[in-house]
Amino acid sequence: MAKVVLQREVAREFAQGETEFEITAADVRQLIRLLELKFPGIRDRLSERTAVAIDGEIFQDPLLQSIDEHSEVYFLPAIEGG
């Protein structure tokens, strides 16, 4: 199972403050669907203003990025350019 880490603010709002989970998913899209089943409403929050880091590489448009069973997936605040 992949290690999944949520931003503290998102964890407080949707997951009773729990920031880390172990989840099996083939890609980020499936991972978000699984999180939505567990925490209704989180999908919209993660779909906006969020970047995803998988094994240390940050993706701004990550939905089809694959996730290995030993991956570490971090949901991060999106980096905005100016």
N, C-alpha and C. Protein backbone atom coordinates (compact mmCIF):
# COMPACT_ATOMS: atom_id res chain seq x y z
N MET A 1 0.84 -1.19 0.00
CA MET A 1 0.00 0.00 0.00
C MET A 1 0.87 1.24 0.00
N ALA A 2 0.42 2.24 -0.71
CA ALA A 2 1.14 3.51 -0.77
C ALA A 2 0.87 4.32 0.50
N LYS A 3 1.87 5.08 0.90
CA LYS A 3 1.71 6.03 2.01
C LYS A 3 1.15 7.32 1.42
N VAL A 4 0.04 7.80 1.97
CA VAL A 4 -0.62 9.01 1.48
C VAL A 4 -0.62 10.04 2.61
N VAL A 5 -0.18 11.26 2.30
CA VAL A 5 -0.10 12.31 3.32
C VAL A 5 -0.90 13.52 2.84
N LEU A 6 -1.82 13.96 3.69
CA LEU A 6 -2.64 15.14 3.40
C LEU A 6 -2.06 16.38 4.07
N GLN A 7 -2.36 17.55 3.50
CA GLN A 7 -2.01 18.81 4.16
C GLN A 7 -2.75 18.87 5.50
N ARG A 8 -2.15 19.47 6.46
CA ARG A 8 -2.77 19.55 7.79
C ARG A 8 -4.15 20.21 7.75
N GLU A 9 -4.29 21.28 6.99
CA GLU A 9 -5.57 21.99 6.89
C GLU A 9 -6.66 21.07 6.32
N VAL A 10 -6.32 20.33 5.28
CA VAL A 10 -7.28 19.41 4.66
C VAL A 10 -7.61 18.27 5.63
N ALA A 11 -6.60 17.78 6.32
CA ALA A 11 -6.82 16.70 7.29
C ALA A 11 -7.75 17.16 8.41
N ARG A 12 -7.59 18.36 8.88
CA ARG A 12 -8.48 18.88 9.93
C ARG A 12 -9.91 18.98 9.44
N GLU A 13 -10.07 19.47 8.21
CA GLU A 13 -11.40 19.71 7.65
C GLU A 13 -12.14 18.40 7.33
N PHE A 14 -11.42 17.38 6.86
CA PHE A 14 -12.09 16.18 6.36
C PHE A 14 -11.77 14.89 7.10
N ALA A 15 -10.62 14.79 7.73
CA ALA A 15 -10.16 13.50 8.26
C ALA A 15 -9.88 13.55 9.76
N GLN A 16 -10.62 14.36 10.49
CA GLN A 16 -10.46 14.47 11.94
C GLN A 16 -8.99 14.68 12.33
N GLY A 17 -8.26 15.38 11.48
CA GLY A 17 -6.87 15.73 11.78
C GLY A 17 -5.85 14.67 11.40
N GLU A 18 -6.30 13.49 10.97
CA GLU A 18 -5.36 12.43 10.58
C GLU A 18 -4.71 12.79 9.24
N THR A 19 -3.40 12.82 9.20
CA THR A 19 -2.70 13.27 7.99
C THR A 19 -2.13 12.13 7.15
N GLU A 20 -1.94 10.95 7.71
CA GLU A 20 -1.30 9.85 6.97
C GLU A 20 -2.18 8.63 6.89
N PHE A 21 -2.17 8.01 5.70
CA PHE A 21 -2.98 6.82 5.43
C PHE A 21 -2.18 5.85 4.58
N GLU A 22 -2.57 4.59 4.61
CA GLU A 22 -2.03 3.57 3.72
C GLU A 22 -3.17 3.18 2.79
N ILE A 23 -3.01 3.39 1.48
CA ILE A 23 -4.07 3.14 0.51
C ILE A 23 -3.47 2.50 -0.73
N THR A 24 -4.19 1.54 -1.31
CA THR A 24 -3.79 0.93 -2.56
C THR A 24 -4.60 1.55 -3.68
N ALA A 25 -3.91 2.16 -4.65
CA ALA A 25 -4.56 2.77 -5.81
C ALA A 25 -3.60 2.70 -6.99
N ALA A 26 -4.15 2.54 -8.19
CA ALA A 26 -3.32 2.43 -9.39
C ALA A 26 -2.79 3.77 -9.85
N ASP A 27 -3.59 4.84 -9.64
CA ASP A 27 -3.18 6.18 -10.06
C ASP A 27 -3.83 7.21 -9.14
N VAL A 28 -3.48 8.46 -9.35
CA VAL A 28 -3.96 9.54 -8.47
C VAL A 28 -5.48 9.68 -8.57
N ARG A 29 -6.03 9.52 -9.76
CA ARG A 29 -7.49 9.63 -9.93
C ARG A 29 -8.21 8.61 -9.04
N GLN A 30 -7.75 7.37 -9.06
CA GLN A 30 -8.36 6.34 -8.23
C GLN A 30 -8.13 6.63 -6.75
N LEU A 31 -6.97 7.12 -6.40
CA LEU A 31 -6.68 7.47 -5.02
C LEU A 31 -7.65 8.54 -4.51
N ILE A 32 -7.89 9.55 -5.30
CA ILE A 32 -8.82 10.61 -4.90
C ILE A 32 -10.24 10.05 -4.76
N ARG A 33 -10.63 9.14 -5.67
CA ARG A 33 -11.96 8.51 -5.55
C ARG A 33 -12.08 7.74 -4.23
N LEU A 34 -11.03 7.00 -3.87
CA LEU A 34 -11.05 6.24 -2.63
C LEU A 34 -11.09 7.16 -1.40
N LEU A 35 -10.34 8.25 -1.46
CA LEU A 35 -10.40 9.22 -0.36
C LEU A 35 -11.79 9.85 -0.25
N GLU A 36 -12.42 10.10 -1.39
CA GLU A 36 -13.77 10.68 -1.40
C GLU A 36 -14.77 9.72 -0.74
N LEU A 37 -14.63 8.42 -0.98
CA LEU A 37 -15.52 7.46 -0.33
C LEU A 37 -15.36 7.48 1.18
N LYS A 38 -14.14 7.66 1.62
CA LYS A 38 -13.86 7.69 3.06
C LYS A 38 -14.18 9.04 3.69
N PHE A 39 -13.92 10.12 2.95
CA PHE A 39 -14.11 11.48 3.45
C PHE A 39 -14.91 12.31 2.43
N PRO A 40 -16.24 12.19 2.44
CA PRO A 40 -17.06 12.92 1.46
C PRO A 40 -16.72 14.41 1.41
N GLY A 41 -16.56 14.92 0.18
CA GLY A 41 -16.25 16.33 -0.02
C GLY A 41 -14.78 16.60 -0.27
N ILE A 42 -13.91 15.65 0.07
CA ILE A 42 -12.47 15.89 -0.05
C ILE A 42 -12.03 15.98 -1.52
N ARG A 43 -12.74 15.30 -2.43
CA ARG A 43 -12.34 15.31 -3.84
C ARG A 43 -12.29 16.73 -4.39
N ASP A 44 -13.32 17.51 -4.14
CA ASP A 44 -13.33 18.89 -4.66
C ASP A 44 -12.18 19.69 -4.08
N ARG A 45 -11.90 19.50 -2.82
CA ARG A 45 -10.81 20.25 -2.15
C ARG A 45 -9.45 19.86 -2.73
N LEU A 46 -9.27 18.54 -3.01
CA LEU A 46 -7.99 18.08 -3.55
C LEU A 46 -7.85 18.41 -5.03
N SER A 47 -8.97 18.59 -5.72
CA SER A 47 -8.92 18.88 -7.15
C SER A 47 -8.58 20.34 -7.44
N GLU A 48 -8.77 21.19 -6.46
CA GLU A 48 -8.44 22.61 -6.64
C GLU A 48 -7.34 23.00 -5.67
N ARG A 49 -6.48 23.88 -6.06
CA ARG A 49 -5.43 24.42 -5.19
C ARG A 49 -4.49 23.37 -4.61
N THR A 50 -4.34 22.23 -5.28
CA THR A 50 -3.49 21.17 -4.74
C THR A 50 -2.56 20.60 -5.81
N ALA A 51 -1.31 20.43 -5.44
CA ALA A 51 -0.34 19.70 -6.27
C ALA A 51 -0.11 18.36 -5.58
N VAL A 52 0.44 17.43 -6.33
CA VAL A 52 0.70 16.10 -5.78
C VAL A 52 2.16 15.75 -6.00
N ALA A 53 2.82 15.28 -4.95
CA ALA A 53 4.19 14.78 -5.06
C ALA A 53 4.14 13.27 -4.90
N ILE A 54 4.72 12.57 -5.89
CA ILE A 54 4.80 11.12 -5.83
C ILE A 54 6.28 10.76 -5.82
N ASP A 55 6.69 10.15 -4.74
CA ASP A 55 8.09 9.75 -4.57
C ASP A 55 9.05 10.92 -4.83
N GLY A 56 8.67 12.10 -4.33
CA GLY A 56 9.54 13.26 -4.41
C GLY A 56 9.41 14.11 -5.66
N GLU A 57 8.62 13.68 -6.65
CA GLU A 57 8.44 14.47 -7.87
C GLU A 57 7.06 15.14 -7.82
N ILE A 58 7.04 16.48 -8.00
CA ILE A 58 5.81 17.24 -7.89
C ILE A 58 5.13 17.31 -9.26
N PHE A 59 3.81 17.05 -9.25
CA PHE A 59 2.99 17.11 -10.46
C PHE A 59 1.87 18.12 -10.24
N GLN A 60 1.71 19.07 -11.18
CA GLN A 60 0.63 20.04 -11.09
C GLN A 60 -0.67 19.48 -11.68
N ASP A 61 -0.57 18.51 -12.60
CA ASP A 61 -1.74 17.89 -13.22
C ASP A 61 -1.56 16.37 -13.12
N PRO A 62 -1.81 15.80 -11.94
CA PRO A 62 -1.35 14.45 -11.63
C PRO A 62 -2.33 13.30 -11.85
N LEU A 63 -3.55 13.55 -12.29
CA LEU A 63 -4.59 12.53 -12.22
C LEU A 63 -4.22 11.18 -12.81
N LEU A 64 -3.47 11.15 -13.90
CA LEU A 64 -3.14 9.88 -14.53
C LEU A 64 -1.78 9.32 -14.12
N GLN A 65 -1.11 9.98 -13.18
CA GLN A 65 0.19 9.50 -12.71
C GLN A 65 0.00 8.20 -11.93
N SER A 66 0.78 7.20 -12.27
CA SER A 66 0.64 5.91 -11.58
C SER A 66 1.26 5.97 -10.19
N ILE A 67 0.75 5.08 -9.34
CA ILE A 67 1.21 4.97 -7.96
C ILE A 67 1.65 3.53 -7.72
N ASP A 68 2.87 3.35 -7.29
CA ASP A 68 3.40 2.04 -6.96
C ASP A 68 2.94 1.68 -5.54
N GLU A 69 2.91 0.40 -5.22
CA GLU A 69 2.46 0.00 -3.89
C GLU A 69 3.37 0.50 -2.78
N HIS A 70 4.61 0.89 -3.10
CA HIS A 70 5.53 1.41 -2.09
C HIS A 70 5.75 2.91 -2.23
N SER A 71 4.92 3.58 -3.04
CA SER A 71 5.08 5.02 -3.26
C SER A 71 4.69 5.81 -2.02
N GLU A 72 5.22 7.04 -1.98
CA GLU A 72 4.79 8.03 -1.00
C GLU A 72 4.12 9.14 -1.78
N VAL A 73 2.87 9.44 -1.44
CA VAL A 73 2.07 10.42 -2.17
C VAL A 73 1.70 11.53 -1.20
N TYR A 74 2.12 12.76 -1.54
CA TYR A 74 1.84 13.92 -0.70
C TYR A 74 0.94 14.89 -1.46
N PHE A 75 -0.14 15.32 -0.82
CA PHE A 75 -0.99 16.37 -1.37
C PHE A 75 -0.49 17.69 -0.77
N LEU A 76 -0.10 18.62 -1.64
CA LEU A 76 0.56 19.86 -1.23
C LEU A 76 -0.21 21.06 -1.74
N PRO A 77 -0.06 22.22 -1.11
CA PRO A 77 -0.64 23.44 -1.67
C PRO A 77 -0.04 23.70 -3.05
N ALA A 78 -0.88 24.05 -4.01
CA ALA A 78 -0.38 24.33 -5.36
C ALA A 78 0.51 25.55 -5.34
N ILE A 79 1.56 25.50 -6.13
CA ILE A 79 2.49 26.62 -6.25
C ILE A 79 1.98 27.53 -7.36
N GLU A 80 1.71 28.77 -7.01
CA GLU A 80 1.19 29.70 -7.99
C GLU A 80 2.29 30.64 -8.46
N GLY A 81 2.35 30.82 -9.76
CA GLY A 81 3.34 31.73 -10.34
C GLY A 81 2.80 33.15 -10.43
N GLY A 82 3.67 34.07 -10.63
CA GLY A 82 3.19 35.45 -10.67
C GLY A 82 3.70 36.21 -11.81
